[in-house]
Structures are given as structure tokens and as C-alpha cells.
Amino acid sequence: MLLGDIAHVRTGDKGDLSQFSVIAFDPADYPRLLAAVTVPRVLAHLAGLRVRQATRYALPGLGALNFVLEGALSGGVTRSLALDAHGKSLGAQLLDLPIDDALRVEDAE
């Protein structure tokens, strides 16, 4: 199962920060998001970025997680030569994160 099967993403940016929220379609899947969509897994999935710091904020009332990635935009819109200087495609890329394997590993521990 991929993250996009149970959630959608909204993104934003400011300077060299990329921010995105992962929002469960069904609030019952929120615990699955908590377990499978961690900072280390997000950074591994978006390994091509030069993130200086990543922070995850849990938003249980919304059934969502909010991530802030500092340094993800190669200097920001006006400084980057990246094809997607706004980082909008990061959210779409994240939806391809496999989540079944992460849950199996945590269930086994």
C-alpha cells in the first residue's frame, strides 16, 4: 500500500522552507500515518534534497501530520535552478511512500 491510498497532501513554501501536510482521507487511518510517516522515512524517500532540519507536527484533531523541511528548496524560488523551485512536486512524490513495510516492521518490534 502507498501513502496516497489513504491520504492526500497539501504543500507550501516560504524562502528555503518546504512545508507539507499529509491528511488522512479517513480519520481512522490517522494512527497508521503516525506510525508510517516519520521524519526518517520522509527524508529517506526524498533523499535527493539537502534538508538541514526536518520537523514533524502531529495534528490529531485534523487527522494530519505537518512537516517543515528547512533547506529543501536549494535556496528558495529566486535562488534555485531546480525545475520545481516551489517544491510542489514533493507532496506528489511523498504519496508514493510505501507504508505497509513500515507497519510490519513496527508490529514485529
Protein backbone atom coordinates (compact mmCIF):
# COMPACT_ATOMS: atom_id res chain seq x y z
CA MET A 1 0.00 0.00 0.00
CA LEU A 2 1.19 3.51 -0.78
CA LEU A 3 0.61 6.62 1.31
CA GLY A 4 -1.57 8.04 -1.47
CA ASP A 5 -4.04 5.19 -0.93
CA ILE A 6 -5.05 6.58 2.49
CA ALA A 7 -4.04 10.27 2.42
CA HIS A 8 -3.65 13.41 0.37
CA VAL A 9 -1.07 16.18 0.64
CA ARG A 10 -1.14 19.98 0.68
CA THR A 11 2.11 21.89 0.22
CA GLY A 12 3.51 25.35 0.73
CA ASP A 13 6.82 27.14 0.71
CA LYS A 14 8.50 30.26 2.00
CA GLY A 15 12.08 31.03 1.12
CA ASP A 16 14.10 27.84 1.56
CA LEU A 17 11.39 26.08 3.62
CA SER A 18 9.07 23.48 2.17
CA GLN A 19 6.04 22.62 4.24
CA PHE A 20 3.53 19.90 3.55
CA SER A 21 0.62 18.35 5.36
CA VAL A 22 -0.32 14.70 5.00
CA ILE A 23 -4.05 14.37 5.65
CA ALA A 24 -5.85 11.05 6.10
CA PHE A 25 -8.93 10.56 3.94
CA ASP A 26 -10.46 8.63 6.84
CA PRO A 27 -9.68 9.74 10.43
CA ALA A 28 -9.45 6.04 11.37
CA ASP A 29 -6.21 5.91 9.34
CA TYR A 30 -4.52 8.64 11.39
CA PRO A 31 -2.71 6.13 13.68
CA ARG A 32 -1.34 4.49 10.54
CA LEU A 33 0.04 7.87 9.43
CA LEU A 34 1.68 8.37 12.82
CA ALA A 35 3.39 5.01 12.63
CA ALA A 36 4.46 5.03 8.98
CA VAL A 37 5.15 8.66 8.04
CA THR A 38 8.10 9.56 10.24
CA VAL A 39 10.84 12.12 9.69
CA PRO A 40 13.49 9.46 8.93
CA ARG A 41 11.22 7.74 6.39
CA VAL A 42 10.27 11.04 4.72
CA LEU A 43 13.92 12.08 4.46
CA ALA A 44 14.91 8.68 3.06
CA HIS A 45 12.11 8.89 0.50
CA LEU A 46 13.15 12.42 -0.52
CA ALA A 47 16.87 11.58 -0.36
CA GLY A 48 17.84 13.93 -3.19
CA LEU A 49 17.12 17.00 -1.05
CA ARG A 50 19.68 18.78 1.09
CA VAL A 51 17.46 19.21 4.12
CA ARG A 52 19.18 20.92 7.07
CA GLN A 53 16.41 20.18 9.52
CA ALA A 54 13.07 18.39 9.37
CA THR A 55 10.28 18.69 11.90
CA ARG A 56 7.02 16.76 12.11
CA TYR A 57 3.98 18.18 13.87
CA ALA A 58 1.08 15.89 14.75
CA LEU A 59 -2.40 17.33 14.21
CA PRO A 60 -4.71 14.65 15.65
CA GLY A 61 -7.82 16.83 15.53
CA LEU A 62 -7.39 17.09 11.76
CA GLY A 63 -6.12 13.55 11.22
CA ALA A 64 -2.98 15.05 9.72
CA LEU A 65 0.77 15.44 10.03
CA ASN A 66 2.60 18.63 9.11
CA PHE A 67 6.24 18.55 8.01
CA VAL A 68 8.61 21.50 7.74
CA LEU A 69 11.79 20.87 5.76
CA GLU A 70 14.46 23.56 6.09
CA GLY A 71 16.87 23.75 3.17
CA ALA A 72 14.70 21.61 0.90
CA LEU A 73 14.38 24.21 -1.86
CA SER A 74 18.04 24.84 -2.76
CA GLY A 75 17.95 28.43 -1.57
CA GLY A 76 14.36 29.22 -2.45
CA VAL A 77 12.41 30.25 -5.52
CA THR A 78 14.54 33.22 -6.51
CA ARG A 79 17.89 31.48 -5.95
CA SER A 80 17.34 27.90 -7.08
CA LEU A 81 17.95 26.43 -10.50
CA ALA A 82 15.73 23.48 -9.61
CA LEU A 83 12.92 22.62 -12.02
CA ASP A 84 10.42 22.75 -9.15
CA ALA A 85 11.73 25.64 -7.07
CA HIS A 86 8.44 25.83 -5.17
CA GLY A 87 8.61 22.20 -4.08
CA LYS A 88 5.03 21.42 -5.13
CA SER A 89 6.06 18.08 -6.59
CA LEU A 90 7.50 16.96 -3.21
CA GLY A 91 3.98 16.28 -1.96
CA ALA A 92 3.14 14.20 -5.02
CA GLN A 93 6.41 12.32 -4.65
CA LEU A 94 5.69 11.63 -0.99
CA LEU A 95 2.36 9.99 -1.87
CA ASP A 96 4.42 7.15 -3.40
CA LEU A 97 5.88 6.31 0.04
CA PRO A 98 5.25 2.61 0.75
CA ILE A 99 3.60 2.29 4.15
CA ASP A 100 2.90 -1.44 4.52
CA ASP A 101 6.56 -2.35 5.14
CA ALA A 102 6.93 0.28 7.86
CA LEU A 103 3.89 -1.04 9.69
CA ARG A 104 5.07 -4.64 9.52
CA VAL A 105 8.46 -3.69 10.99
CA GLU A 106 6.87 -1.76 13.86
CA ASP A 107 4.36 -4.55 14.53
CA ALA A 108 7.24 -7.03 14.85
CA GLU A 109 9.11 -4.93 17.44
